[in-house]
C-alpha cells in the first residue's frame, strides 16, 4: 500500500470514528468565590466534578446570612437563589449554561425544556434570618455545556440573581456574587 493511499484510508477511518465518540465530557476543575461587603455570603462546593454523558456534574450552593439582622431577599423563579446559570467570563452578559435544580420541577414559576427554560416574572420575597443559611444542589448537564473555559455564576435570565434589604423601609440592593467555575474538557478516548 502506498503512503498516499494509507493516509487517505487512515484519515477516513479517524473521521468516521470521531462521529462515534459522542458529546465531549468535562470536569469542574476549580471553583473560586470572593467575599464582599454584603450581609450575604455564597459558598459553592463541587459535589461531583465529572460532567459525563451518563451523569451530570453537581454543585452545592449555600446562601448565608453573615449579618446580625434578618435579610429580606427578592428574586424571580424560585426562592432564594432564583434560576442560576454560568456565563463565559468576559464574553457574555447572558448565561450560556443553565444550572438545574430539583426546585424547578416543584415550582410552577419555572419551566425547563431540553432547549432552554422560561420563568414567571412574579417577584418572590422571603426572609433569611441572621446566621441562617439555605443550601441547594445544582446539576450541570453535559449537553448544556457549550465548551471548556472559565465561567461566572449569575442569574440565568437576569445577570443579578437576587436583591436584598435589611429592613422594610430600606432600599433594595442588587446581589451579584463573585464566583468563577472552570470547566476543562476530558478526553473520551481510553
Protein backbone atom coordinates (compact mmCIF):
# COMPACT_ATOMS: atom_id res chain seq x y z
CA UNK A 1 0.00 0.00 0.00
CA UNK A 2 1.50 3.30 -0.95
CA UNK A 3 1.81 6.20 1.50
CA UNK A 4 -0.86 8.40 -0.09
CA UNK A 5 -3.47 5.64 0.00
CA UNK A 6 -2.54 4.78 3.62
CA UNK A 7 -3.02 8.43 4.69
CA UNK A 8 -6.36 8.64 2.87
CA UNK A 9 -7.68 5.45 4.48
CA UNK A 10 -6.36 6.46 7.92
CA UNK A 11 -7.94 9.92 7.71
CA UNK A 12 -11.28 8.49 6.60
CA UNK A 13 -11.23 5.92 9.42
CA UNK A 14 -10.43 8.52 12.08
CA UNK A 15 -13.10 10.87 10.72
CA UNK A 16 -15.66 8.09 10.92
CA UNK A 17 -14.55 7.21 14.45
CA UNK A 18 -14.85 10.83 15.59
CA UNK A 19 -18.59 10.78 14.95
CA UNK A 20 -18.96 7.71 17.17
CA UNK A 21 -17.34 9.31 20.19
CA UNK A 22 -20.39 11.37 21.08
CA UNK A 23 -20.52 14.56 23.08
CA UNK A 24 -17.43 15.83 24.88
CA UNK A 25 -17.18 15.33 28.63
CA UNK A 26 -15.99 17.94 31.12
CA UNK A 27 -14.53 18.27 34.60
CA UNK A 28 -15.23 21.03 37.11
CA UNK A 29 -11.55 21.79 37.66
CA UNK A 30 -11.93 24.76 40.01
CA UNK A 31 -14.48 26.90 41.82
CA UNK A 32 -13.46 30.24 43.30
CA UNK A 33 -15.58 32.59 45.38
CA UNK A 34 -14.74 36.08 46.63
CA UNK A 35 -16.31 37.53 49.74
CA UNK A 36 -17.54 41.08 49.60
CA UNK A 37 -19.15 43.61 51.92
CA UNK A 38 -22.73 42.30 51.59
CA UNK A 39 -24.51 40.75 54.58
CA UNK A 40 -24.93 37.68 52.37
CA UNK A 41 -22.28 35.10 51.56
CA UNK A 42 -22.28 32.37 48.94
CA UNK A 43 -20.45 29.05 49.27
CA UNK A 44 -20.09 26.94 46.13
CA UNK A 45 -18.75 23.41 46.54
CA UNK A 46 -18.36 20.77 43.82
CA UNK A 47 -20.06 17.52 44.84
CA UNK A 48 -19.45 15.63 41.59
CA UNK A 49 -16.77 17.20 39.38
CA UNK A 50 -17.29 14.89 36.38
CA UNK A 51 -19.76 16.06 33.71
CA UNK A 52 -20.18 12.94 31.59
CA UNK A 53 -22.63 11.76 29.00
CA UNK A 54 -24.29 9.48 31.57
CA UNK A 55 -24.07 11.68 34.67
CA UNK A 56 -24.21 15.43 35.37
CA UNK A 57 -21.72 17.34 37.48
CA UNK A 58 -23.11 18.71 40.74
CA UNK A 59 -22.54 21.88 42.77
CA UNK A 60 -23.82 22.63 46.26
CA UNK A 61 -24.61 26.32 46.59
CA UNK A 62 -25.28 27.72 50.06
CA UNK A 63 -26.57 31.25 50.63
CA UNK A 64 -25.60 32.51 54.10
CA UNK A 65 -26.76 35.48 56.10
CA UNK A 66 -23.46 36.63 57.59
CA UNK A 67 -25.01 39.64 59.32
CA UNK A 68 -26.62 40.16 62.71
CA UNK A 69 -30.08 41.01 61.42
CA UNK A 70 -32.64 39.37 59.16
CA UNK A 71 -32.26 39.91 55.41
CA UNK A 72 -35.27 40.16 53.09
CA UNK A 73 -34.49 38.54 49.73
CA UNK A 74 -36.37 39.19 46.47
CA UNK A 75 -35.96 37.34 43.18
CA UNK A 76 -37.93 35.51 40.50
CA UNK A 77 -38.20 31.82 39.58
CA UNK A 78 -37.55 30.00 42.87
CA UNK A 79 -36.66 31.46 46.24
CA UNK A 80 -33.99 32.34 47.41
CA UNK A 81 -31.42 31.98 44.58
CA UNK A 82 -33.65 32.20 41.52
CA UNK A 83 -32.72 30.40 38.30
CA UNK A 84 -28.92 30.21 38.09
CA UNK A 85 -26.60 29.86 35.13
CA UNK A 86 -22.99 30.12 34.06
CA UNK A 87 -21.78 32.76 31.59
CA UNK A 88 -18.44 32.57 29.82
CA UNK A 89 -16.20 35.00 31.73
CA UNK A 90 -15.62 38.29 29.97
CA UNK A 91 -17.58 37.43 26.83
CA UNK A 92 -21.26 37.22 27.62
CA UNK A 93 -23.90 39.04 29.61
CA UNK A 94 -26.43 36.23 29.23
CA UNK A 95 -25.83 32.83 30.77
CA UNK A 96 -24.59 30.09 28.44
CA UNK A 97 -25.29 27.13 30.74
CA UNK A 98 -28.48 26.57 32.75
CA UNK A 99 -27.87 25.02 36.17
CA UNK A 100 -30.68 22.61 37.01
CA UNK A 101 -32.22 22.15 40.48
CA UNK A 102 -34.98 19.90 41.81
CA UNK A 103 -36.82 23.03 42.95
CA UNK A 104 -37.50 23.93 39.31
CA UNK A 105 -39.72 20.87 38.83
CA UNK A 106 -41.58 21.57 42.07
CA UNK A 107 -42.24 25.24 41.28
CA UNK A 108 -44.95 26.42 38.92
CA UNK A 109 -42.91 29.59 38.25
CA UNK A 110 -40.17 27.84 36.22
CA UNK A 111 -40.42 25.65 33.13
CA UNK A 112 -37.33 23.79 31.90
CA UNK A 113 -37.20 22.37 28.37
CA UNK A 114 -34.41 20.47 26.58
CA UNK A 115 -33.61 23.59 24.57
CA UNK A 116 -33.96 26.21 27.32
CA UNK A 117 -36.15 27.48 30.11
CA UNK A 118 -38.72 30.13 30.95
CA UNK A 119 -39.89 31.71 34.18
CA UNK A 120 -42.77 33.64 35.60
CA UNK A 121 -41.70 37.23 36.30
CA UNK A 122 -43.61 37.43 39.58
CA UNK A 123 -41.28 38.60 42.38
CA UNK A 124 -40.76 36.14 45.24
CA UNK A 125 -39.85 37.52 48.66
CA UNK A 126 -38.69 35.74 51.80
CA UNK A 127 -36.57 36.33 54.88
CA UNK A 128 -33.24 34.75 55.72
CA UNK A 129 -32.70 35.05 59.49
CA UNK A 130 -29.40 36.21 60.97
CA UNK A 131 -26.75 33.44 60.85
CA UNK A 132 -29.12 31.21 58.81
CA UNK A 133 -28.16 29.53 55.55
CA UNK A 134 -30.02 27.75 52.76
CA UNK A 135 -28.34 25.12 50.59
CA UNK A 136 -29.41 23.90 47.16
CA UNK A 137 -27.87 21.35 44.81
CA UNK A 138 -27.47 22.22 41.13
CA UNK A 139 -26.60 19.97 38.20
CA UNK A 140 -24.52 20.74 35.10
CA UNK A 141 -25.84 18.60 32.26
CA UNK A 142 -23.18 17.76 29.64
CA UNK A 143 -25.35 18.56 26.61
CA UNK A 144 -25.96 22.08 28.01
CA UNK A 145 -22.22 22.86 28.29
CA UNK A 146 -21.09 24.94 25.33
CA UNK A 147 -17.37 24.35 25.82
CA UNK A 148 -14.42 24.37 28.19
CA UNK A 149 -13.46 27.65 29.84
CA UNK A 150 -13.91 29.85 32.88
CA UNK A 151 -17.49 30.82 33.65
CA UNK A 152 -19.07 33.24 36.11
CA UNK A 153 -22.10 32.33 38.20
CA UNK A 154 -25.11 34.60 37.63
CA UNK A 155 -28.84 34.53 37.14
CA UNK A 156 -29.83 32.58 34.03
CA UNK A 157 -32.37 35.19 32.88
CA UNK A 158 -31.03 38.25 34.67
CA UNK A 159 -27.37 38.88 35.36
CA UNK A 160 -28.10 39.67 39.02
CA UNK A 161 -29.76 36.65 40.65
CA UNK A 162 -31.39 38.43 43.61
CA UNK A 163 -31.86 41.65 45.54
CA UNK A 164 -31.96 42.12 49.31
CA UNK A 165 -32.65 44.65 52.01
CA UNK A 166 -32.15 44.64 55.76
CA UNK A 167 -35.41 46.34 56.74
CA UNK A 168 -38.87 47.02 55.37
CA UNK A 169 -38.01 50.66 54.69
CA UNK A 170 -34.51 50.08 53.26
CA UNK A 171 -33.74 50.24 49.54
CA UNK A 172 -33.26 47.02 47.56
CA UNK A 173 -29.58 46.21 46.88
CA UNK A 174 -28.57 44.03 43.92
CA UNK A 175 -26.53 41.00 44.99
CA UNK A 176 -24.12 39.74 42.35
CA UNK A 177 -21.77 37.21 43.94
CA UNK A 178 -18.27 36.83 42.56
CA UNK A 179 -17.97 33.12 41.70
CA UNK A 180 -15.98 31.55 38.87
CA UNK A 181 -16.26 27.94 37.74
CA UNK A 182 -13.62 26.50 35.42
CA UNK A 183 -14.56 23.58 33.17
CA UNK A 184 -11.95 21.54 31.35
CA UNK A 185 -12.66 19.07 28.56
CA UNK A 186 -11.91 15.40 29.20
CA UNK A 187 -10.66 13.03 26.59
CA UNK A 188 -13.31 10.40 25.78
CA UNK A 189 -10.65 8.04 24.39
CA UNK A 190 -9.34 5.42 26.87
